[in-house]
Amino acid sequence: MKIRPLNDRLLVKRLEEETTTSGGIIIPDSAKEKPAEGEVVAVGPGKLNDKGERVALQVQAGDRVLFSKYGGTDVKLDGDDFLIMREDDILGVVE
């Protein structure tokens, strides 16, 4: 299945959380938090401004981004978990 985000929305694949700490301690599944970092898979064409012109998004497919912890809507496509969120939910791009 393919999905194309609309307007200023993004399709983001959440990156996997580390299973061990830097000291070597293994973190059980019950203590893990959802990571707030992911990779942009697809972007919409951008939103319309007051003049009716499309404003392109600042992020592109392939960018690694940080997003708000509870931002976006969880979606399952072909057995994989993704988030659909607005560009406003993106806090920054990891370079």
Protein backbone atom coordinates (compact mmCIF):
# COMPACT_ATOMS: atom_id res chain seq x y z
CA MET A 1 0.00 0.00 0.00
CA LYS A 2 1.23 3.48 -0.80
CA ILE A 3 0.27 6.68 0.96
CA ARG A 4 0.80 10.29 -0.08
CA PRO A 5 0.48 12.91 2.68
CA LEU A 6 -1.64 15.96 1.90
CA ASN A 7 -0.80 19.65 2.39
CA ASP A 8 1.75 20.20 5.19
CA ARG A 9 1.66 16.65 6.53
CA LEU A 10 4.56 14.18 6.72
CA LEU A 11 4.84 10.41 6.91
CA VAL A 12 7.47 9.55 9.53
CA LYS A 13 8.92 6.18 10.52
CA ARG A 14 9.80 6.20 14.21
CA LEU A 15 13.40 5.11 14.88
CA GLU A 16 13.96 2.18 17.22
CA GLU A 17 14.85 2.95 20.84
CA GLU A 18 18.17 1.74 22.23
CA THR A 19 17.85 -1.54 24.15
CA THR A 20 20.97 -0.99 26.29
CA THR A 21 22.42 2.05 28.04
CA SER A 22 25.92 3.36 27.45
CA GLY A 23 26.94 1.51 30.65
CA GLY A 24 25.69 -1.81 29.25
CA ILE A 25 22.46 -2.09 31.26
CA ILE A 26 19.65 -3.78 29.30
CA ILE A 27 16.39 -1.83 29.31
CA PRO A 28 13.25 -4.02 29.51
CA ASP A 29 10.37 -3.37 27.09
CA SER A 30 8.11 -2.18 29.92
CA ALA A 31 10.53 0.64 30.84
CA LYS A 32 11.11 1.92 27.29
CA GLU A 33 9.59 5.18 26.12
CA LYS A 34 8.50 5.82 22.57
CA PRO A 35 11.36 7.53 20.75
CA ALA A 36 10.76 11.11 19.67
CA GLU A 37 13.04 10.74 16.66
CA GLY A 38 12.26 9.40 13.22
CA GLU A 39 12.98 9.45 9.52
CA VAL A 40 10.74 11.29 7.06
CA VAL A 41 9.44 8.83 4.47
CA ALA A 42 7.15 11.11 2.45
CA VAL A 43 6.07 14.76 2.48
CA GLY A 44 3.01 16.57 1.20
CA PRO A 45 3.18 19.38 -1.36
CA GLY A 46 2.93 22.13 1.29
CA LYS A 47 0.13 24.32 2.56
CA LEU A 48 -1.52 27.23 0.85
CA ASN A 49 -0.78 30.77 2.01
CA ASP A 50 -3.26 33.67 2.04
CA LYS A 51 -2.64 34.34 -1.68
CA GLY A 52 -3.42 30.74 -2.64
CA GLU A 53 0.23 29.88 -3.40
CA ARG A 54 1.85 26.64 -2.22
CA VAL A 55 4.54 27.07 0.43
CA ALA A 56 7.02 24.17 0.26
CA LEU A 57 7.91 22.27 3.43
CA GLN A 58 11.28 22.75 5.12
CA VAL A 59 11.86 19.01 5.56
CA GLN A 60 12.37 16.42 2.83
CA ALA A 61 12.06 12.66 2.55
CA GLY A 62 15.12 11.05 4.14
CA ASP A 63 15.60 13.75 6.82
CA ARG A 64 16.07 12.58 10.40
CA VAL A 65 13.80 14.66 12.63
CA LEU A 66 12.88 15.23 16.26
CA PHE A 67 9.18 15.61 17.01
CA SER A 68 6.95 16.25 19.98
CA LYS A 69 6.40 13.19 22.14
CA TYR A 70 2.66 12.96 21.63
CA GLY A 71 2.49 14.49 18.16
CA GLY A 72 1.10 12.79 15.11
CA THR A 73 -1.33 9.99 14.41
CA ASP A 74 -0.18 6.35 14.51
CA VAL A 75 -0.77 4.45 11.26
CA LYS A 76 0.04 0.85 10.36
CA LEU A 77 0.93 0.20 6.69
CA ASP A 78 1.97 -3.22 5.40
CA GLY A 79 2.87 -4.33 8.94
CA ASP A 80 5.09 -1.28 9.67
CA ASP A 81 4.24 1.50 12.12
CA PHE A 82 4.34 5.11 10.91
CA LEU A 83 3.22 8.52 12.11
CA ILE A 84 1.37 11.11 10.06
CA MET A 85 1.99 14.58 11.46
CA ARG A 86 1.97 18.22 10.51
CA GLU A 87 5.19 20.06 9.85
CA ASP A 88 4.44 22.17 12.96
CA ASP A 89 4.93 19.04 15.13
CA ILE A 90 8.56 18.77 13.96
CA LEU A 91 10.93 20.33 16.50
CA GLY A 92 14.10 20.10 14.44
CA VAL A 93 16.18 18.24 11.85
CA VAL A 94 19.12 16.12 13.04
CA GLU A 95 22.20 16.79 10.91
